[in-house]
Amino acid sequence: PQPEAPAEPAPVTVVDIRFRNNAKSYFFDPNGLTLAVGDHVIIDTARGDEFGICAAGNHAVRPRELVLPLRKVLRAATAQDERINAENQEKEKKAFDVCQQKILSHKLDMQLVSAECAFDGSKILFFFTAEGRVDFRELVKDLASCFKIRIELRQIGIRDETKMRGGLAPCGRVCCCAQHLGDFERVSIKMAKTQCLSLNPTKISGLCGRLMCCLAYENDHYTQASKKMPVIGTEVVSPDGKGVVVANNLLKLTSRVKRQLPDGSFEFKEYPAEKLKTQKTIADTVRDDKDEHIKEILDE
């Protein structure tokens, strides 16, 4: 008898928590609490106690999807916690303005994005963008003497800036990165080509100036669909006769065929891809003849 497969460990109950100004959520141990979407909580993190928002209530997750051990939810936010969080947000606004002035006085080539105050008030973290490396040592000293607490400056990329700031994308909806995307997916110009989109940068770029994240959403569908379609410029046999493919509609899986009529004029008509038969090109014929010749030699 074959040995029995080891039983999979029992599912673990978790809650999804996200931080302020961050669309990504993280798994936390509910620690005996029953939470609902939108609940405010205090959580244990590597940076100490932090204020978080519940993005998904108690639910079971397979252990292999987790990075153990899980950090815990310490408690549901109290009125005192809410007051501290509100005060921290006011501090962040003032800190942002002060840092902006200090950057100008130090004549640094950097753009301040946001300021975040730790929940316990032990430090302020400033996020900025810059073309290259910036020597901000004097700026840190100046800010530390001004606020009398620990100061950290962190350089981020242009896509991270858009994720923090948010805004309306070209489609009219809130930017995906600011609303629901946890991590940035790899996006390439090849995806735009596969989807037959205009390669004009202004048409396929997001607010950050980089290729739109949504190009990756349906790329698998377009890639599979393109394999079922004849290549543009290929001669095909349609239900009405021979013609040349001039365009493909990957959503409808149809091809637009240009066909010459007996009177010399041209007709353009769409056909389902499965009703078109591709004519062999000269290169295909030569390749097939060569393969057949090699097969005959091997058989001898």
Protein backbone atom coordinates (compact mmCIF):
# COMPACT_ATOMS: atom_id res chain seq x y z
CA PRO A 1 0.00 0.00 0.00
CA GLN A 2 1.15 3.52 -0.82
CA PRO A 3 2.01 5.75 2.17
CA GLU A 4 -0.66 8.29 2.97
CA ALA A 5 0.04 11.89 2.04
CA PRO A 6 0.74 14.06 5.08
CA ALA A 7 -2.34 15.94 6.22
CA GLU A 8 -2.32 19.66 5.49
CA PRO A 9 -2.09 21.81 8.63
CA ALA A 10 -5.37 23.31 9.81
CA PRO A 11 -6.30 26.77 8.43
CA VAL A 12 -5.31 29.79 10.49
CA THR A 13 -7.77 32.57 11.35
CA VAL A 14 -6.45 35.99 10.39
CA VAL A 15 -7.61 39.55 9.74
CA ASP A 16 -6.38 41.88 7.00
CA ILE A 17 -5.03 45.19 8.28
CA ARG A 18 -3.77 48.13 6.28
CA PHE A 19 -1.93 51.23 7.40
CA ARG A 20 -2.83 54.79 6.58
CA ASN A 21 -1.89 55.94 3.05
CA ASN A 22 -1.30 52.34 1.99
CA ALA A 23 -3.55 50.20 -0.19
CA LYS A 24 -1.69 47.00 0.69
CA SER A 25 -3.08 44.94 3.56
CA TYR A 26 -1.23 42.50 5.80
CA PHE A 27 -2.31 39.40 7.69
CA PHE A 28 -2.49 39.74 11.47
CA ASP A 29 -3.47 37.40 14.29
CA PRO A 30 -6.86 38.71 15.57
CA ASN A 31 -5.78 37.65 19.07
CA GLY A 32 -9.30 36.57 20.07
CA LEU A 33 -11.00 39.68 18.67
CA THR A 34 -13.83 39.63 16.12
CA LEU A 35 -13.26 42.50 13.68
CA ALA A 36 -15.22 43.93 10.77
CA VAL A 37 -14.18 45.96 7.74
CA GLY A 38 -13.42 49.54 8.73
CA ASP A 39 -12.66 48.83 12.40
CA HIS A 40 -9.73 50.79 13.81
CA VAL A 41 -7.16 48.77 15.74
CA ILE A 42 -3.77 49.00 17.42
CA ILE A 43 -1.32 46.43 16.05
CA ASP A 44 2.09 45.15 16.96
CA THR A 45 4.68 45.87 14.25
CA ALA A 46 8.46 45.84 13.87
CA ARG A 47 8.34 49.62 14.41
CA GLY A 48 6.30 49.30 17.60
CA ASP A 49 2.59 49.86 18.18
CA GLU A 50 0.81 51.29 15.13
CA PHE A 51 -2.69 52.45 14.22
CA GLY A 52 -4.36 50.32 11.54
CA ILE A 53 -7.64 49.87 9.69
CA CYS A 54 -9.30 46.49 9.18
CA ALA A 55 -9.58 45.69 5.46
CA ALA A 56 -11.11 42.21 5.91
CA GLY A 57 -12.62 40.63 9.01
CA ASN A 58 -11.82 37.25 10.54
CA HIS A 59 -11.29 34.60 7.87
CA ALA A 60 -9.34 31.37 7.46
CA VAL A 61 -6.12 31.15 5.43
CA ARG A 62 -3.97 28.13 4.62
CA PRO A 63 -0.68 28.17 6.57
CA ARG A 64 1.41 28.00 3.38
CA GLU A 65 0.09 31.45 2.43
CA LEU A 66 1.41 32.99 5.65
CA VAL A 67 4.76 34.14 6.92
CA LEU A 68 4.80 32.85 10.48
CA PRO A 69 4.80 33.88 13.26
CA LEU A 70 2.03 36.40 12.74
CA ARG A 71 2.06 39.79 14.44
CA LYS A 72 -0.96 40.37 16.67
CA VAL A 73 -3.78 42.86 16.89
CA LEU A 74 -3.30 44.31 20.36
CA ARG A 75 -6.72 45.87 20.82
CA ALA A 76 -9.58 47.68 19.17
CA ALA A 77 -8.78 51.39 19.06
CA THR A 78 -10.09 53.27 22.10
CA ALA A 79 -11.22 56.88 22.25
CA GLN A 80 -7.74 57.75 23.56
CA ASP A 81 -6.13 55.94 20.61
CA GLU A 82 -8.35 57.82 18.17
CA ARG A 83 -7.37 61.10 19.80
CA ILE A 84 -3.65 60.27 19.59
CA ASN A 85 -4.04 59.31 15.92
CA ALA A 86 -5.81 62.61 15.18
CA GLU A 87 -3.07 64.56 16.99
CA ASN A 88 -0.41 62.70 15.03
CA GLN A 89 -2.09 63.66 11.77
CA GLU A 90 -1.98 67.32 12.80
CA LYS A 91 1.70 66.94 13.70
CA GLU A 92 2.34 65.43 10.28
CA LYS A 93 0.86 68.46 8.50
CA LYS A 94 3.05 70.86 10.49
CA ALA A 95 6.12 68.64 10.07
CA PHE A 96 5.55 68.52 6.30
CA ASP A 97 5.48 72.33 6.06
CA VAL A 98 8.59 72.72 8.25
CA CYS A 99 10.53 70.11 6.26
CA GLN A 100 9.52 71.77 3.01
CA GLN A 101 10.98 75.07 4.22
CA LYS A 102 14.17 73.37 5.45
CA ILE A 103 14.66 71.68 2.05
CA LEU A 104 14.48 75.07 0.36
CA SER A 105 16.88 76.67 2.83
CA HIS A 106 19.40 73.84 2.34
CA LYS A 107 18.90 74.08 -1.46
CA LEU A 108 18.43 70.33 -1.88
CA ASP A 109 17.21 68.86 -5.16
CA MET A 110 14.44 66.69 -3.69
CA GLN A 111 10.62 66.70 -3.64
CA LEU A 112 8.91 65.99 -0.33
CA VAL A 113 6.00 63.55 -0.69
CA SER A 114 4.65 62.97 2.81
CA ALA A 115 5.42 62.91 6.52
CA GLU A 116 4.36 60.10 8.86
CA CYS A 117 4.46 60.28 12.64
CA ALA A 118 4.90 57.04 14.61
CA PHE A 119 1.87 56.23 16.76
CA ASP A 120 3.89 56.55 19.97
CA GLY A 121 5.36 59.87 18.78
CA SER A 122 8.93 58.53 18.93
CA LYS A 123 9.89 59.55 15.39
CA ILE A 124 8.80 61.25 12.17
CA LEU A 125 9.43 59.59 8.81
CA PHE A 126 9.67 61.79 5.70
CA PHE A 127 9.27 60.33 2.19
CA PHE A 128 10.78 62.13 -0.81
CA THR A 129 11.63 61.64 -4.47
CA ALA A 130 14.77 62.77 -6.26
CA GLU A 131 16.56 62.21 -9.55
CA GLY A 132 19.68 60.83 -7.88
CA ARG A 133 21.23 60.42 -4.47
CA VAL A 134 20.83 63.32 -2.05
CA ASP A 135 23.13 64.21 0.85
CA PHE A 136 20.52 65.09 3.47
CA ARG A 137 22.67 64.70 6.60
CA GLU A 138 22.54 68.39 7.48
CA LEU A 139 18.81 68.43 6.85
CA VAL A 140 18.29 65.56 9.31
CA LYS A 141 20.30 67.37 11.97
CA ASP A 142 18.28 70.55 11.40
CA LEU A 143 14.96 68.70 11.64
CA ALA A 144 16.06 66.76 14.73
CA SER A 145 16.96 69.97 16.55
CA CYS A 146 13.61 71.45 15.54
CA PHE A 147 11.35 68.53 16.57
CA LYS A 148 13.53 67.04 19.35
CA ILE A 149 12.70 63.48 18.24
CA ARG A 150 14.17 60.89 15.89
CA ILE A 151 14.03 61.82 12.20
CA GLU A 152 14.17 59.45 9.22
CA LEU A 153 14.22 60.36 5.52
CA ARG A 154 13.39 57.72 2.93
CA GLN A 155 13.74 58.07 -0.83
CA ILE A 156 10.97 56.44 -2.88
CA GLY A 157 10.24 55.95 -6.57
CA ILE A 158 7.81 57.88 -8.76
CA ARG A 159 5.27 55.03 -8.70
CA ASP A 160 5.36 54.94 -4.90
CA GLU A 161 4.72 58.69 -4.87
CA THR A 162 1.57 58.25 -6.96
CA LYS A 163 0.46 55.42 -4.68
CA MET A 164 0.76 57.71 -1.65
CA ARG A 165 -0.80 60.79 -3.20
CA GLY A 166 -3.55 59.01 -5.14
CA GLY A 167 -5.58 60.76 -7.83
CA LEU A 168 -7.77 60.02 -10.83
CA ALA A 169 -6.33 57.84 -13.57
CA PRO A 170 -7.01 58.46 -17.31
CA CYS A 171 -9.99 56.08 -17.07
CA GLY A 172 -11.66 58.41 -14.56
CA ARG A 173 -11.32 56.05 -11.59
CA VAL A 174 -9.02 56.31 -8.57
CA CYS A 175 -5.51 55.02 -9.37
CA CYS A 176 -5.32 51.25 -8.91
CA CYS A 177 -2.08 51.56 -6.92
CA ALA A 178 -3.75 53.87 -4.40
CA GLN A 179 -6.99 51.89 -4.16
CA HIS A 180 -6.38 48.15 -4.21
CA LEU A 181 -2.99 47.11 -5.60
CA GLY A 182 -0.75 45.58 -2.96
CA ASP A 183 2.47 45.40 -4.99
CA PHE A 184 3.47 46.83 -8.33
CA GLU A 185 3.31 44.28 -11.13
CA ARG A 186 5.82 44.16 -13.96
CA VAL A 187 4.44 46.04 -16.97
CA SER A 188 6.12 46.12 -20.39
CA ILE A 189 5.55 47.82 -23.72
CA LYS A 190 5.06 44.32 -25.19
CA MET A 191 1.74 44.13 -23.29
CA ALA A 192 0.50 47.24 -25.08
CA LYS A 193 1.56 45.78 -28.44
CA THR A 194 -0.20 42.48 -27.68
CA GLN A 195 -3.41 44.39 -26.89
CA CYS A 196 -3.12 46.40 -30.15
CA LEU A 197 -3.03 49.69 -28.23
CA SER A 198 -1.57 52.94 -29.44
CA LEU A 199 2.10 53.15 -28.47
CA ASN A 200 1.76 56.88 -27.85
CA PRO A 201 3.23 57.35 -24.32
CA THR A 202 0.48 59.78 -23.33
CA LYS A 203 -2.16 57.13 -24.10
CA ILE A 204 -0.66 54.23 -22.15
CA SER A 205 0.98 56.03 -19.22
CA GLY A 206 -0.52 56.68 -15.78
CA LEU A 207 -0.22 59.72 -13.54
CA CYS A 208 3.27 58.57 -12.52
CA GLY A 209 4.47 58.75 -16.13
CA ARG A 210 5.11 55.01 -16.21
CA LEU A 211 3.16 52.37 -18.14
CA MET A 212 -0.32 51.88 -16.65
CA CYS A 213 -0.57 49.02 -14.16
CA CYS A 214 -3.88 47.90 -15.71
CA LEU A 215 -2.04 46.76 -18.87
CA ALA A 216 -1.16 43.62 -16.93
CA TYR A 217 -4.74 42.79 -15.90
CA GLU A 218 -5.92 41.24 -19.18
CA ASN A 219 -2.56 40.45 -20.72
CA ASP A 220 -3.04 36.70 -20.30
CA HIS A 221 -6.37 36.84 -22.18
CA TYR A 222 -4.93 38.92 -25.03
CA THR A 223 -1.85 36.66 -25.26
CA GLN A 224 -4.01 33.54 -25.58
CA ALA A 225 -6.44 35.26 -27.96
CA SER A 226 -3.63 36.45 -30.26
CA LYS A 227 -2.51 32.83 -30.72
CA LYS A 228 -5.92 32.03 -32.24
CA MET A 229 -5.82 34.95 -34.68
CA PRO A 230 -4.13 35.16 -38.10
CA VAL A 231 -1.19 37.55 -38.33
CA ILE A 232 -2.00 40.91 -39.91
CA GLY A 233 -0.87 40.87 -43.53
CA THR A 234 -1.46 37.14 -43.88
CA GLU A 235 -3.39 35.84 -46.91
CA VAL A 236 -6.44 33.87 -45.81
CA VAL A 237 -9.39 32.06 -47.32
CA SER A 238 -12.69 33.45 -46.00
CA PRO A 239 -16.21 32.11 -46.61
CA ASP A 240 -16.41 34.64 -49.47
CA GLY A 241 -12.99 33.93 -51.02
CA LYS A 242 -9.33 34.86 -50.67
CA GLY A 243 -8.26 38.03 -48.91
CA VAL A 244 -5.65 39.66 -46.66
CA VAL A 245 -6.02 40.28 -42.93
CA VAL A 246 -5.74 44.02 -42.19
CA ALA A 247 -6.87 44.13 -38.52
CA ASN A 248 -7.78 41.88 -35.59
CA ASN A 249 -10.30 42.38 -32.80
CA LEU A 250 -8.94 40.34 -29.90
CA LEU A 251 -12.04 40.86 -27.76
CA LYS A 252 -14.50 39.64 -30.38
CA LEU A 253 -11.99 37.17 -31.88
CA THR A 254 -12.74 38.51 -35.36
CA SER A 255 -10.48 39.59 -38.22
CA ARG A 256 -11.04 42.34 -40.77
CA VAL A 257 -10.26 41.01 -44.25
CA LYS A 258 -9.54 43.02 -47.39
CA ARG A 259 -10.80 41.22 -50.50
CA GLN A 260 -10.61 42.28 -54.13
CA LEU A 261 -13.88 42.01 -56.05
CA PRO A 262 -14.21 41.01 -59.75
CA ASP A 263 -14.72 44.64 -60.79
CA GLY A 264 -11.34 45.61 -59.25
CA SER A 265 -12.73 47.34 -56.18
CA PHE A 266 -11.98 46.22 -52.62
CA GLU A 267 -14.31 44.96 -49.90
CA PHE A 268 -13.56 45.05 -46.18
CA LYS A 269 -15.45 42.57 -44.03
CA GLU A 270 -15.12 41.06 -40.54
CA TYR A 271 -15.11 37.30 -40.01
CA PRO A 272 -14.82 35.10 -36.91
CA ALA A 273 -11.24 33.86 -36.70
CA GLU A 274 -12.28 30.22 -36.73
CA LYS A 275 -13.89 30.68 -40.17
CA LEU A 276 -10.63 31.83 -41.77
CA LYS A 277 -8.07 29.44 -43.22
CA THR A 278 -4.52 30.74 -43.42
CA GLN A 279 -2.76 30.36 -46.75
CA LYS A 280 0.78 28.99 -46.57
CA THR A 281 3.45 31.57 -47.28
CA ILE A 282 6.41 30.84 -49.56
CA ALA A 283 8.65 30.58 -46.47
CA ASP A 284 6.30 27.99 -44.94
CA THR A 285 6.28 25.94 -48.17
CA VAL A 286 10.10 25.96 -48.43
CA ARG A 287 10.39 24.97 -44.75
CA ASP A 288 7.92 22.09 -45.18
CA ASP A 289 9.75 20.81 -48.32
CA LYS A 290 13.08 20.96 -46.45
CA ASP A 291 11.67 19.05 -43.47
CA GLU A 292 10.22 16.38 -45.80
CA HIS A 293 13.58 16.02 -47.58
CA ILE A 294 15.41 15.55 -44.26
CA LYS A 295 12.78 12.96 -43.19
CA GLU A 296 13.39 10.97 -46.43
CA ILE A 297 17.16 10.94 -45.83
CA LEU A 298 16.70 9.71 -42.25
CA ASP A 299 14.32 6.98 -43.41
CA GLU A 300 16.92 5.71 -45.90
